[in-house]
Structures are given as structure tokens and as C-alpha cells.
Amino acid sequence: MRIALFVDANSIGYQYIDVIYKEAIVQGEVIIRNAYGALGKNTGYRNVLSANSFYIVETPSLYKKRISMRLAADMMKVVDGNIVDAVVIATLDEYIAPILSLIREKGKQVIVFGSCQNCDVLKRECNQFIYLEALCGQNLQEYVTPLSDIVTAIRDIASSYKGRGERLAAEAAYVTLCRKYRDFDIRNYGYTHFDAFIRNEVSGIHTEYDNKQLYINLTDDNKEVESFIYSYIAAKGNRLDDMQELFDALSGKFPGFSTVHYGYNSEYAFILSFPKLEIDGNKGIKLKQTFKLK
């Protein structure tokens, strides 16, 4: 993938330049790397840009707190000229958002390096959002997509593949997560390898390698779930007035629990799949008379 890398030096600190460039070259072949800003006599910034072979475009100091229109124009120039496949921009200025939207409409990928502060607008207008703080090793769990949402999504993806009789490759799962959550990155949760993230954070999942390819599978825990349900209801006097209590207990016992993972879109259908259970009233559950436990 051919990449044009742009740095808004009016909003991005020079301490991030090294990690920005290192990350960009992982994404693809960086054929353009430009930095725009009112640098003046900031030799520290100029030195780090030069060390990473950036072309420096000096902009008027009058606009040093705003994104350069020259930057926006150059972005559109490389897009309209079909020079690159993706535009990567490091900025904290949300005023560039309409340009990013236009670039995506033209069929190009947009990757944004930004901050956990005031990033919502930029996240909506890119294909991938990378937190600069995460690249520098900071803990961002209070700002990023909740881990519980990621876990549920992985189990949902695995369930979908299982329902189609297909194997889920870890790479396919990762790509799907990136499409669903534009700021998804395992580094946001303190990991550098996806398989370690899966093993340690996602319950009800097991991984396996086949011909050097990592696959993700749902764990067959039906019997364990069934045993928990019967024991829980028996401990409550063989009945529950509200089935939601049971599903809350299941979510607590089996993180990421969903009836979909067991082949049922309806909670009622899931309950009725167990021979010892029956619906009590509109939303209650009870053990059938034959199977009541003391």
C-alpha cells in the first residue's frame, strides 16, 4: 500500500514524530512524508523531522493554531492524482474532518494519528484511528472502546463463522474488529500480539494453529452452562420470577455470554431448549415438576 504521510506540526508535538513514522512504515510504503507548521526557530522540531527525512513546509505564524490550508490542498492533490492508496495524517485539529471525509469518498484509506482527547470527530471520518499515547505506552482503557465490547464482538464473530460451518482465522477477526471499531488496536489494552490478547481476555474461546495460521473457535461449554442454569434455579427455590435474573447470572459466570453463541436469537427459545425448564407466566422460569430439586 502506497502511503502519503502528513504531519500537522501546529498541533502535534515533536516527541511523537519518531513513533508516527515507525508506525506509518508498518502500514505500507511511505512515498510522501511532509510536515506543515509555523516552526520558526524551533530547532528541536526541525531536527527530528530532518532525522526522519520529512519535507518541511513552513506556514504563516498567523495561523499556528490552525491546520494549514496548504496541508489540506496537498492531501487532495495526491488523492486526485491517484499517487497513493492511503493518506495518513497526524493532527489534533478536527477542522480537517471534512477533507478526510472527501478523501474516503474518493476511495482512499484514511488513517489518523491523534490523541485520546477530543478525538470523536476525527474517528468518525477515518478508516483507522491510532492513539499517539498508546504508541508511547500509556494506559488508555478509560478512553478507548470498552474491553467488554471487544470481547463480545469477538465471540459474536466466532459464533457467526461457526453457524456457517467455517473456521475463523485470527486475521479475519482482527480485520472485522478494525472495521467495527475504528480505534481498535490491541496495544490500547496493553498487548502486542493478538493471540495473547485472545487467550487472556476472551473467555469461551480457544485458539489453535494450523499450518502456521491461527484460528479462533468457540469453546463447547454447553454442558457447563446447562449445569449452572439448573443449579442456579434450584438454589432459588426451583423458580425465578424474571428470567433476566438468570441471564445476568450467566453473564457474570460466562463473560460475553449471548444466546446467539448457542444458536438462538430468542431468550425464550434458548430457555425452552433445556428439557427441565419451562416458562412461568410472561417472563418467569421454573423447573418442571418432574425435575424439581431440593
Protein backbone atom coordinates (compact mmCIF):
# COMPACT_ATOMS: atom_id res chain seq x y z
CA MET A 1 0.00 0.00 0.00
CA ARG A 2 1.42 3.37 -1.04
CA ILE A 3 1.11 5.98 1.68
CA ALA A 4 1.31 9.76 1.89
CA LEU A 5 2.19 10.80 5.45
CA PHE A 6 1.28 14.31 6.59
CA VAL A 7 2.08 15.85 9.97
CA ASP A 8 0.26 18.89 11.30
CA ALA A 9 3.16 20.36 13.26
CA ASN A 10 0.90 23.08 14.64
CA SER A 11 -0.89 20.55 16.83
CA ILE A 12 1.41 17.52 17.11
CA GLY A 13 4.37 17.64 19.47
CA TYR A 14 7.78 16.73 18.07
CA GLN A 15 8.17 13.96 20.68
CA TYR A 16 5.71 11.88 18.64
CA ILE A 17 7.44 12.14 15.24
CA ASP A 18 9.61 9.04 15.65
CA VAL A 19 6.71 6.76 16.64
CA ILE A 20 4.47 8.22 13.93
CA TYR A 21 6.98 7.41 11.21
CA LYS A 22 7.79 3.95 12.60
CA GLU A 23 4.08 3.10 12.69
CA ALA A 24 3.46 4.50 9.21
CA ILE A 25 6.09 2.31 7.58
CA VAL A 26 4.43 -0.72 9.16
CA GLN A 27 1.21 0.27 7.43
CA GLY A 28 2.78 0.41 3.97
CA GLU A 29 5.31 2.10 1.67
CA VAL A 30 5.60 5.76 2.65
CA ILE A 31 6.33 7.58 -0.59
CA ILE A 32 5.48 11.09 0.68
CA ARG A 33 6.24 12.48 4.12
CA ASN A 34 5.51 16.15 4.68
CA ALA A 35 5.24 18.26 7.83
CA TYR A 36 3.42 21.60 7.93
CA GLY A 37 3.63 24.29 10.59
CA ALA A 38 4.86 27.60 11.87
CA LEU A 39 8.10 26.17 13.24
CA GLY A 40 10.04 29.39 13.36
CA LYS A 41 13.24 28.85 15.37
CA ASN A 42 12.11 25.52 16.83
CA THR A 43 15.32 23.69 16.01
CA GLY A 44 14.34 20.67 18.11
CA TYR A 45 11.29 20.07 15.90
CA ARG A 46 13.23 20.72 12.72
CA ASN A 47 15.95 18.29 13.75
CA VAL A 48 13.62 15.39 14.46
CA LEU A 49 11.75 15.98 11.19
CA SER A 50 15.02 16.04 9.27
CA ALA A 51 16.19 12.88 11.01
CA ASN A 52 13.10 11.12 9.67
CA SER A 53 13.50 12.66 6.18
CA PHE A 54 10.38 14.83 6.27
CA TYR A 55 9.92 17.66 3.80
CA ILE A 56 9.12 20.75 5.91
CA VAL A 57 6.52 23.20 4.65
CA GLU A 58 6.73 26.41 6.65
CA THR A 59 3.32 28.03 7.20
CA PRO A 60 2.47 31.57 8.37
CA SER A 61 2.75 32.06 12.13
CA LEU A 62 -0.57 33.90 11.99
CA TYR A 63 -2.27 30.50 11.68
CA LYS A 64 -0.06 28.47 14.00
CA LYS A 65 -3.08 27.30 16.00
CA ARG A 66 -4.97 26.07 12.92
CA ILE A 67 -4.35 23.36 10.37
CA SER A 68 -2.57 24.58 7.27
CA MET A 69 -4.66 25.03 4.14
CA ARG A 70 -1.53 24.07 2.22
CA LEU A 71 -1.64 20.72 4.01
CA ALA A 72 -5.28 20.21 3.02
CA ALA A 73 -4.54 21.18 -0.58
CA ASP A 74 -1.55 18.83 -0.82
CA MET A 75 -3.62 15.96 0.59
CA MET A 76 -6.23 16.42 -2.12
CA LYS A 77 -3.54 16.77 -4.77
CA VAL A 78 -2.05 13.33 -4.08
CA VAL A 79 -5.55 11.81 -3.87
CA ASP A 80 -6.80 13.35 -7.13
CA GLY A 81 -3.55 12.40 -8.82
CA ASN A 82 -4.04 8.78 -7.71
CA ILE A 83 -0.49 8.80 -6.38
CA VAL A 84 -1.26 6.87 -3.19
CA ASP A 85 -3.65 4.28 -1.81
CA ALA A 86 -3.88 5.80 1.66
CA VAL A 87 -3.47 9.12 3.39
CA VAL A 88 -2.02 9.11 6.89
CA ILE A 89 -2.31 12.30 8.90
CA ALA A 90 -1.13 13.19 12.39
CA THR A 91 -3.24 16.01 13.80
CA LEU A 92 -5.35 17.08 16.76
CA ASP A 93 -7.32 19.61 14.69
CA GLU A 94 -10.85 18.43 13.94
CA TYR A 95 -11.27 21.11 11.26
CA ILE A 96 -9.60 18.72 8.80
CA ALA A 97 -12.54 16.29 9.18
CA PRO A 98 -14.45 17.38 6.02
CA ILE A 99 -11.31 16.81 3.93
CA LEU A 100 -10.89 13.35 5.41
CA SER A 101 -14.50 12.53 4.55
CA LEU A 102 -13.93 13.66 0.95
CA ILE A 103 -10.78 11.55 0.66
CA ARG A 104 -12.69 8.46 1.78
CA GLU A 105 -15.45 9.21 -0.73
CA LYS A 106 -12.77 9.09 -3.40
CA GLY A 107 -11.95 5.53 -2.39
CA LYS A 108 -8.75 6.11 -0.44
CA GLN A 109 -7.94 4.82 3.02
CA VAL A 110 -7.59 7.41 5.78
CA ILE A 111 -5.51 6.71 8.88
CA VAL A 112 -5.37 9.31 11.65
CA PHE A 113 -2.80 9.63 14.42
CA GLY A 114 -4.44 11.58 17.20
CA SER A 115 -4.99 11.96 20.89
CA CYS A 116 -7.47 10.43 23.31
CA GLN A 117 -8.62 13.99 23.99
CA ASN A 118 -11.24 15.45 21.62
CA CYS A 119 -10.94 12.67 19.04
CA ASP A 120 -14.59 11.77 18.33
CA VAL A 121 -14.95 13.90 15.19
CA LEU A 122 -11.73 12.61 13.67
CA LYS A 123 -12.60 8.99 14.49
CA ARG A 124 -15.85 9.27 12.57
CA GLU A 125 -14.08 10.40 9.41
CA CYS A 126 -11.28 7.84 9.12
CA ASN A 127 -10.81 4.15 8.47
CA GLN A 128 -8.42 3.74 11.37
CA PHE A 129 -7.62 5.92 14.37
CA ILE A 130 -4.34 5.38 16.23
CA TYR A 131 -3.78 6.89 19.67
CA LEU A 132 -0.40 8.55 19.98
CA GLU A 133 -0.49 7.95 23.73
CA ALA A 134 -0.85 4.19 23.18
CA LEU A 135 2.18 4.16 20.87
CA CYS A 136 4.12 5.68 23.76
CA GLY A 137 2.95 3.02 26.21
CA GLN A 138 0.28 4.93 28.12
CA ASN A 139 -2.78 3.16 29.56
CA LEU A 140 -5.88 4.36 27.68
CA GLN A 141 -8.56 1.91 28.77
CA GLU A 142 -10.78 4.68 30.13
CA TYR A 143 -10.85 6.36 26.71
CA VAL A 144 -10.99 3.50 24.21
CA THR A 145 -13.78 1.08 23.31
CA PRO A 146 -14.56 -0.92 26.48
CA LEU A 147 -12.81 -4.27 26.65
CA SER A 148 -16.16 -5.97 27.33
CA ASP A 149 -17.47 -4.72 23.96
CA ILE A 150 -14.42 -6.13 22.17
CA VAL A 151 -14.81 -9.50 23.93
CA THR A 152 -18.49 -9.71 22.99
CA ALA A 153 -17.72 -8.77 19.39
CA ILE A 154 -15.07 -11.50 19.08
CA ARG A 155 -17.47 -14.10 20.42
CA ASP A 156 -20.16 -12.84 18.03
CA ILE A 157 -17.78 -13.12 15.06
CA ALA A 158 -16.73 -16.63 16.10
CA SER A 159 -20.38 -17.63 16.52
CA SER A 160 -21.24 -16.31 13.06
CA TYR A 161 -18.46 -18.35 11.46
CA LYS A 162 -19.44 -21.43 13.45
CA GLY A 163 -23.04 -21.05 12.29
CA ARG A 164 -21.85 -21.09 8.68
CA GLY A 165 -19.64 -24.10 9.30
CA GLU A 166 -16.47 -22.10 8.66
CA ARG A 167 -13.24 -21.67 10.60
CA LEU A 168 -12.44 -18.20 11.86
CA ALA A 169 -8.88 -17.10 11.13
CA ALA A 170 -7.48 -14.65 13.67
CA GLU A 171 -6.55 -12.29 10.84
CA ALA A 172 -10.17 -12.16 9.66
CA ALA A 173 -11.35 -11.49 13.22
CA TYR A 174 -8.85 -8.66 13.59
CA VAL A 175 -9.88 -7.04 10.31
CA THR A 176 -13.56 -7.23 11.29
CA LEU A 177 -12.85 -5.61 14.66
CA CYS A 178 -10.96 -2.78 12.96
CA ARG A 179 -13.94 -2.16 10.67
CA LYS A 180 -16.38 -2.20 13.57
CA TYR A 181 -14.25 -0.06 15.91
CA ARG A 182 -12.06 2.45 14.10
CA ASP A 183 -9.83 2.90 17.12
CA PHE A 184 -9.36 -0.83 17.76
CA ASP A 185 -5.76 -1.77 18.48
CA ILE A 186 -4.61 -4.44 20.92
CA ARG A 187 -1.96 -2.00 22.17
CA ASN A 188 -4.81 0.03 23.64
CA TYR A 189 -5.32 -2.86 26.07
CA GLY A 190 -1.68 -3.49 26.88
CA TYR A 191 -0.91 -6.23 24.33
CA THR A 192 1.39 -6.56 21.34
CA HIS A 193 0.14 -9.93 19.99
CA PHE A 194 -3.47 -10.74 19.11
CA ASP A 195 -3.21 -14.39 20.17
CA ALA A 196 -2.09 -13.36 23.68
CA PHE A 197 -4.98 -10.91 23.85
CA ILE A 198 -7.46 -13.65 22.85
CA ARG A 199 -6.09 -16.22 25.31
CA ASN A 200 -6.02 -13.86 28.28
CA GLU A 201 -9.08 -11.67 27.77
CA VAL A 202 -11.72 -13.64 25.84
CA SER A 203 -13.47 -16.39 27.77
CA GLY A 204 -15.31 -19.16 25.93
CA ILE A 205 -12.71 -19.10 23.16
CA HIS A 206 -9.79 -21.34 22.33
CA THR A 207 -7.14 -20.86 19.67
CA GLU A 208 -5.20 -23.30 17.55
CA TYR A 209 -2.52 -23.13 14.88
CA ASP A 210 -2.93 -24.98 11.61
CA ASN A 211 -0.19 -24.67 9.01
CA LYS A 212 1.11 -21.54 10.79
CA GLN A 213 -2.36 -19.94 10.62
CA LEU A 214 -4.04 -19.01 13.91
CA TYR A 215 -7.73 -19.93 14.21
CA ILE A 216 -10.29 -18.89 16.82
CA ASN A 217 -13.02 -21.27 17.96
CA LEU A 218 -15.86 -21.09 20.43
CA THR A 219 -15.36 -23.39 23.38
CA ASP A 220 -18.00 -26.10 23.67
CA ASP A 221 -19.27 -25.24 27.16
CA ASN A 222 -22.93 -26.24 26.68
CA LYS A 223 -22.88 -28.81 29.48
CA GLU A 224 -21.26 -26.36 31.87
CA VAL A 225 -23.86 -23.71 31.04
CA GLU A 226 -26.70 -26.19 31.42
CA SER A 227 -25.41 -27.37 34.80
CA PHE A 228 -25.07 -23.78 36.01
CA ILE A 229 -28.63 -22.94 34.95
CA TYR A 230 -30.18 -25.91 36.74
CA SER A 231 -28.15 -25.33 39.91
CA TYR A 232 -28.92 -21.61 39.96
CA ILE A 233 -32.68 -22.06 39.59
CA ALA A 234 -32.73 -24.90 42.15
CA ALA A 235 -30.95 -22.65 44.65
CA LYS A 236 -33.68 -20.05 44.13
CA GLY A 237 -36.48 -22.45 45.07
CA ASN A 238 -36.84 -24.02 41.62
CA ARG A 239 -38.24 -20.86 40.01
CA LEU A 240 -37.42 -17.28 39.03
CA ASP A 241 -39.99 -14.54 38.61
CA ASP A 242 -37.91 -12.81 35.96
CA MET A 243 -35.67 -14.72 33.53
CA GLN A 244 -33.45 -11.65 33.24
CA GLU A 245 -32.03 -12.57 36.64
CA LEU A 246 -30.76 -15.81 35.13
CA PHE A 247 -29.22 -14.11 32.12
CA ASP A 248 -27.49 -11.59 34.38
CA ALA A 249 -26.07 -14.51 36.36
CA LEU A 250 -24.93 -16.22 33.16
CA SER A 251 -23.17 -13.03 32.01
CA GLY A 252 -21.41 -12.87 35.36
CA LYS A 253 -20.33 -16.51 35.19
CA PHE A 254 -19.51 -16.58 31.47
CA PRO A 255 -18.22 -13.12 30.35
CA GLY A 256 -19.52 -12.21 26.90
CA PHE A 257 -22.40 -14.67 27.21
CA SER A 258 -25.03 -14.43 24.49
CA THR A 259 -27.77 -16.85 23.42
CA VAL A 260 -26.65 -16.26 19.84
CA HIS A 261 -23.44 -18.16 20.57
CA TYR A 262 -25.57 -21.25 21.25
CA GLY A 263 -27.67 -20.91 18.11
CA TYR A 264 -30.66 -18.94 19.48
CA ASN A 265 -31.73 -15.39 18.68
CA SER A 266 -34.54 -15.53 21.26
CA GLU A 267 -34.03 -15.86 25.01
CA TYR A 268 -37.32 -17.78 25.18
CA ALA A 269 -36.11 -20.28 22.58
CA PHE A 270 -32.86 -20.69 24.48
CA ILE A 271 -34.70 -21.46 27.73
CA LEU A 272 -37.05 -23.93 26.06
CA SER A 273 -34.09 -25.81 24.60
CA PHE A 274 -33.44 -27.22 28.08
CA PRO A 275 -35.73 -30.19 28.78
CA LYS A 276 -36.00 -29.49 32.52
CA LEU A 277 -37.18 -25.87 32.13
CA GLU A 278 -40.46 -24.20 31.28
CA ILE A 279 -41.69 -20.63 31.03
CA ASP A 280 -43.63 -19.42 34.06
CA GLY A 281 -46.06 -16.61 33.21
CA ASN A 282 -44.77 -13.92 30.86
CA LYS A 283 -41.15 -13.79 31.89
CA GLY A 284 -40.55 -16.27 34.69
CA ILE A 285 -38.76 -19.63 34.59
CA LYS A 286 -39.25 -22.75 36.65
CA LEU A 287 -38.03 -26.31 36.77
CA LYS A 288 -40.61 -28.76 35.58
CA GLN A 289 -42.34 -30.68 38.37
CA THR A 290 -40.55 -33.90 37.44
CA PHE A 291 -37.11 -32.32 37.79
CA LYS A 292 -37.53 -30.11 40.87
CA LEU A 293 -34.57 -30.28 43.21
CA LYS A 294 -34.32 -29.75 46.93
